[in-house]
Amino acid sequence: METIQFSVLASWEKELITAAKQATQTSYAPYSQFNVGAAVLLSDGTILTASNQENRAYSACVCAERVALLYATANYANTPLTAIAVAASQHQQFTAQPVTPCGECRQVLVEMQERFNTPIQVLMYGEQSCYIARNAQELLPAAF
């Protein structure tokens, strides 16, 4: 995984991160106040966004990454995913350091990558720096 400044990212990477940042505004996080947005880039250039959705029954909560990934594959079943960006804010401030996907999201990312036989780049935004994994396997080397 590489650490990089937002300013030196490619224009498409900046666009995807900006979409993820905007998606934090649709988060439903009344319990944690931790708003996460995700933006998925499909191979045809389509960008889809989603956010985390909390519930009093904690196990019913769904991360932004999984909402975006599963929406993408449910509605664009034959279009490979090529990248996903993740951003998080708390109390109207984006996190200083990047937030990484949880273990469940990492497993879903790896499976999507295998499903389409296409690497999925993972961009994780922080105000001070960004992390880039060139493929999902970097985040979960011992996936199921």
C-alpha atoms as a PDB file:
ATOM      1  CA  MET A   1       0.000   0.000   0.000  1.00  0.00           C
ATOM      2  CA  GLU A   2       1.282   3.437  -0.922  1.00  0.00           C
ATOM      3  CA  THR A   3       0.864   6.761   0.897  1.00  0.00           C
ATOM      4  CA  ILE A   4       0.384   9.755  -1.392  1.00  0.00           C
ATOM      5  CA  GLN A   5      -0.834  13.352  -1.285  1.00  0.00           C
ATOM      6  CA  PHE A   6      -4.242  14.134  -2.817  1.00  0.00           C
ATOM      7  CA  SER A   7      -2.701  16.891  -4.969  1.00  0.00           C
ATOM      8  CA  VAL A   8      -0.564  14.452  -6.959  1.00  0.00           C
ATOM      9  CA  LEU A   9      -3.311  11.952  -7.763  1.00  0.00           C
ATOM     10  CA  ALA A  10      -4.544  11.514 -11.318  1.00  0.00           C
ATOM     11  CA  SER A  11      -7.634  13.545 -12.225  1.00  0.00           C
ATOM     12  CA  TRP A  12      -9.867  10.451 -12.304  1.00  0.00           C
ATOM     13  CA  GLU A  13      -8.651   9.461  -8.827  1.00  0.00           C
ATOM     14  CA  LYS A  14      -9.423  12.954  -7.492  1.00  0.00           C
ATOM     15  CA  GLU A  15     -12.880  12.786  -9.086  1.00  0.00           C
ATOM     16  CA  LEU A  16     -13.593   9.422  -7.461  1.00  0.00           C
ATOM     17  CA  ILE A  17     -12.423  10.618  -4.038  1.00  0.00           C
ATOM     18  CA  THR A  18     -14.492  13.788  -4.379  1.00  0.00           C
ATOM     19  CA  ALA A  19     -17.555  11.633  -5.105  1.00  0.00           C
ATOM     20  CA  ALA A  20     -16.821   9.551  -1.983  1.00  0.00           C
ATOM     21  CA  LYS A  21     -16.469  12.711   0.103  1.00  0.00           C
ATOM     22  CA  GLN A  22     -19.815  13.978  -1.188  1.00  0.00           C
ATOM     23  CA  ALA A  23     -21.415  10.613  -0.385  1.00  0.00           C
ATOM     24  CA  THR A  24     -20.636  11.105   3.318  1.00  0.00           C
ATOM     25  CA  GLN A  25     -23.507  13.628   3.286  1.00  0.00           C
ATOM     26  CA  THR A  26     -26.046  10.816   2.776  1.00  0.00           C
ATOM     27  CA  SER A  27     -24.729   8.719   5.660  1.00  0.00           C
ATOM     28  CA  TYR A  28     -27.154   7.641   8.369  1.00  0.00           C
ATOM     29  CA  ALA A  29     -24.927   7.510  11.442  1.00  0.00           C
ATOM     30  CA  PRO A  30     -26.899   8.786  14.452  1.00  0.00           C
ATOM     31  CA  TYR A  31     -25.068   6.480  16.875  1.00  0.00           C
ATOM     32  CA  SER A  32     -21.411   6.799  15.886  1.00  0.00           C
ATOM     33  CA  GLN A  33     -21.544  10.210  14.178  1.00  0.00           C
ATOM     34  CA  PHE A  34     -18.966   8.636  11.825  1.00  0.00           C
ATOM     35  CA  ASN A  35     -20.040   9.305   8.248  1.00  0.00           C
ATOM     36  CA  VAL A  36     -18.424   7.183   5.558  1.00  0.00           C
ATOM     37  CA  GLY A  37     -18.848   7.598   1.818  1.00  0.00           C
ATOM     38  CA  ALA A  38     -17.728   5.316  -0.982  1.00  0.00           C
ATOM     39  CA  ALA A  39     -17.570   5.775  -4.722  1.00  0.00           C
ATOM     40  CA  VAL A  40     -17.128   2.883  -7.146  1.00  0.00           C
ATOM     41  CA  LEU A  41     -15.736   3.283 -10.657  1.00  0.00           C
ATOM     42  CA  LEU A  42     -16.994   0.788 -13.212  1.00  0.00           C
ATOM     43  CA  SER A  43     -14.992  -0.157 -16.295  1.00  0.00           C
ATOM     44  CA  ASP A  44     -17.394   1.823 -18.503  1.00  0.00           C
ATOM     45  CA  GLY A  45     -16.658   5.048 -16.575  1.00  0.00           C
ATOM     46  CA  THR A  46     -19.829   5.002 -14.461  1.00  0.00           C
ATOM     47  CA  ILE A  47     -19.365   6.261 -10.900  1.00  0.00           C
ATOM     48  CA  LEU A  48     -21.761   5.013  -8.215  1.00  0.00           C
ATOM     49  CA  THR A  49     -21.816   6.332  -4.660  1.00  0.00           C
ATOM     50  CA  ALA A  50     -23.101   5.074  -1.335  1.00  0.00           C
ATOM     51  CA  SER A  51     -22.762   5.734   2.384  1.00  0.00           C
ATOM     52  CA  ASN A  52     -22.812   3.826   5.654  1.00  0.00           C
ATOM     53  CA  GLN A  53     -26.210   3.064   7.172  1.00  0.00           C
ATOM     54  CA  GLU A  54     -26.451   2.432  10.908  1.00  0.00           C
ATOM     55  CA  ASN A  55     -29.145   0.720  12.924  1.00  0.00           C
ATOM     56  CA  ARG A  56     -29.809   0.261  16.643  1.00  0.00           C
ATOM     57  CA  ALA A  57     -29.268  -3.438  16.040  1.00  0.00           C
ATOM     58  CA  TYR A  58     -25.547  -3.069  15.389  1.00  0.00           C
ATOM     59  CA  SER A  59     -25.298  -6.179  13.237  1.00  0.00           C
ATOM     60  CA  ALA A  60     -27.828  -4.648  10.822  1.00  0.00           C
ATOM     61  CA  CYS A  61     -25.442  -1.770  10.014  1.00  0.00           C
ATOM     62  CA  VAL A  62     -23.896  -1.745   6.551  1.00  0.00           C
ATOM     63  CA  CYS A  63     -20.616  -0.096   5.571  1.00  0.00           C
ATOM     64  CA  ALA A  64     -20.494   2.390   2.694  1.00  0.00           C
ATOM     65  CA  GLU A  65     -18.113   0.182   0.741  1.00  0.00           C
ATOM     66  CA  ARG A  66     -20.426  -2.843   0.781  1.00  0.00           C
ATOM     67  CA  VAL A  67     -23.486  -0.735  -0.054  1.00  0.00           C
ATOM     68  CA  ALA A  68     -21.641   0.647  -3.100  1.00  0.00           C
ATOM     69  CA  LEU A  69     -20.139  -2.669  -4.200  1.00  0.00           C
ATOM     70  CA  LEU A  70     -23.327  -4.672  -3.875  1.00  0.00           C
ATOM     71  CA  TYR A  71     -25.421  -1.968  -5.555  1.00  0.00           C
ATOM     72  CA  ALA A  72     -22.933  -1.916  -8.430  1.00  0.00           C
ATOM     73  CA  THR A  73     -23.014  -5.665  -8.988  1.00  0.00           C
ATOM     74  CA  ALA A  74     -26.790  -5.890  -8.526  1.00  0.00           C
ATOM     75  CA  ASN A  75     -27.433  -3.205 -11.130  1.00  0.00           C
ATOM     76  CA  TYR A  76     -24.422  -3.591 -13.433  1.00  0.00           C
ATOM     77  CA  ALA A  77     -23.904  -7.342 -13.141  1.00  0.00           C
ATOM     78  CA  ASN A  78     -21.661  -7.688 -16.179  1.00  0.00           C
ATOM     79  CA  THR A  79     -19.592  -4.522 -15.783  1.00  0.00           C
ATOM     80  CA  PRO A  80     -16.292  -4.944 -13.932  1.00  0.00           C
ATOM     81  CA  LEU A  81     -15.397  -2.646 -11.063  1.00  0.00           C
ATOM     82  CA  THR A  82     -12.002  -0.993 -11.458  1.00  0.00           C
ATOM     83  CA  ALA A  83     -11.677   1.243  -8.381  1.00  0.00           C
ATOM     84  CA  ILE A  84     -13.309   2.319  -5.152  1.00  0.00           C
ATOM     85  CA  ALA A  85     -12.666   5.428  -3.062  1.00  0.00           C
ATOM     86  CA  VAL A  86     -13.480   5.780   0.633  1.00  0.00           C
ATOM     87  CA  ALA A  87     -13.707   8.944   2.741  1.00  0.00           C
ATOM     88  CA  ALA A  88     -14.932   9.547   6.281  1.00  0.00           C
ATOM     89  CA  SER A  89     -15.984  12.541   8.332  1.00  0.00           C
ATOM     90  CA  GLN A  90     -16.972  13.129  11.908  1.00  0.00           C
ATOM     91  CA  HIS A  91     -18.668  16.290  13.154  1.00  0.00           C
ATOM     92  CA  GLN A  92     -18.445  17.863   9.669  1.00  0.00           C
ATOM     93  CA  GLN A  93     -14.659  17.348   9.446  1.00  0.00           C
ATOM     94  CA  PHE A  94     -12.974  14.831   7.178  1.00  0.00           C
ATOM     95  CA  THR A  95     -10.561  12.543   8.968  1.00  0.00           C
ATOM     96  CA  ALA A  96      -6.935  13.665   8.978  1.00  0.00           C
ATOM     97  CA  GLN A  97      -5.711  10.142   8.212  1.00  0.00           C
ATOM     98  CA  PRO A  98      -7.264   7.744   5.708  1.00  0.00           C
ATOM     99  CA  VAL A  99      -9.889   5.286   6.907  1.00  0.00           C
ATOM    100  CA  THR A 100      -9.412   1.763   5.611  1.00  0.00           C
ATOM    101  CA  PRO A 101     -12.194  -0.727   4.797  1.00  0.00           C
ATOM    102  CA  CYS A 102     -13.159  -3.169   7.557  1.00  0.00           C
ATOM    103  CA  GLY A 103     -12.439  -6.895   7.237  1.00  0.00           C
ATOM    104  CA  GLU A 104     -15.866  -7.744   5.807  1.00  0.00           C
ATOM    105  CA  CYS A 105     -15.527  -5.042   3.158  1.00  0.00           C
ATOM    106  CA  ARG A 106     -12.028  -6.235   2.312  1.00  0.00           C
ATOM    107  CA  GLN A 107     -13.348  -9.755   1.751  1.00  0.00           C
ATOM    108  CA  VAL A 108     -16.140  -8.463  -0.508  1.00  0.00           C
ATOM    109  CA  LEU A 109     -13.608  -6.374  -2.457  1.00  0.00           C
ATOM    110  CA  VAL A 110     -11.353  -9.386  -3.008  1.00  0.00           C
ATOM    111  CA  GLU A 111     -14.290 -11.508  -4.138  1.00  0.00           C
ATOM    112  CA  MET A 112     -15.458  -8.807  -6.585  1.00  0.00           C
ATOM    113  CA  GLN A 113     -11.934  -8.619  -7.943  1.00  0.00           C
ATOM    114  CA  GLU A 114     -11.891 -12.396  -8.440  1.00  0.00           C
ATOM    115  CA  ARG A 115     -15.419 -12.408  -9.899  1.00  0.00           C
ATOM    116  CA  PHE A 116     -14.435 -10.016 -12.695  1.00  0.00           C
ATOM    117  CA  ASN A 117     -10.790 -11.115 -12.908  1.00  0.00           C
ATOM    118  CA  THR A 118      -9.883  -7.423 -12.779  1.00  0.00           C
ATOM    119  CA  PRO A 119      -7.819  -5.608 -10.134  1.00  0.00           C
ATOM    120  CA  ILE A 120      -9.796  -3.130  -8.045  1.00  0.00           C
ATOM    121  CA  GLN A 121      -7.741  -0.120  -6.960  1.00  0.00           C
ATOM    122  CA  VAL A 122      -8.669   1.099  -3.469  1.00  0.00           C
ATOM    123  CA  LEU A 123      -8.265   4.818  -2.728  1.00  0.00           C
ATOM    124  CA  MET A 124      -8.543   5.842   0.925  1.00  0.00           C
ATOM    125  CA  TYR A 125      -8.798   9.562   1.614  1.00  0.00           C
ATOM    126  CA  GLY A 126      -7.465  11.562   4.551  1.00  0.00           C
ATOM    127  CA  GLU A 127      -6.990  15.325   4.763  1.00  0.00           C
ATOM    128  CA  GLN A 128      -3.249  14.886   5.392  1.00  0.00           C
ATOM    129  CA  SER A 129      -2.611  11.996   2.997  1.00  0.00           C
ATOM    130  CA  CYS A 130      -4.211   9.214   1.004  1.00  0.00           C
ATOM    131  CA  TYR A 131      -3.526   5.496   0.844  1.00  0.00           C
ATOM    132  CA  ILE A 132      -3.643   3.589  -2.419  1.00  0.00           C
ATOM    133  CA  ALA A 133      -3.834  -0.174  -2.746  1.00  0.00           C
ATOM    134  CA  ARG A 134      -3.302  -1.102  -6.397  1.00  0.00           C
ATOM    135  CA  ASN A 135      -5.574  -4.123  -5.917  1.00  0.00           C
ATOM    136  CA  ALA A 136      -7.865  -5.396  -3.183  1.00  0.00           C
ATOM    137  CA  GLN A 137      -5.607  -8.346  -2.392  1.00  0.00           C
ATOM    138  CA  GLU A 138      -3.086  -5.906  -0.868  1.00  0.00           C
ATOM    139  CA  LEU A 139      -5.647  -5.175   1.868  1.00  0.00           C
ATOM    140  CA  LEU A 140      -6.441  -8.823   2.578  1.00  0.00           C
ATOM    141  CA  PRO A 141      -3.593 -11.104   1.545  1.00  0.00           C
ATOM    142  CA  ALA A 142      -5.122 -14.170   3.230  1.00  0.00           C
ATOM    143  CA  ALA A 143      -8.661 -13.851   1.872  1.00  0.00           C
ATOM    144  CA  PHE A 144     -11.082 -16.780   1.871  1.00  0.00           C
END
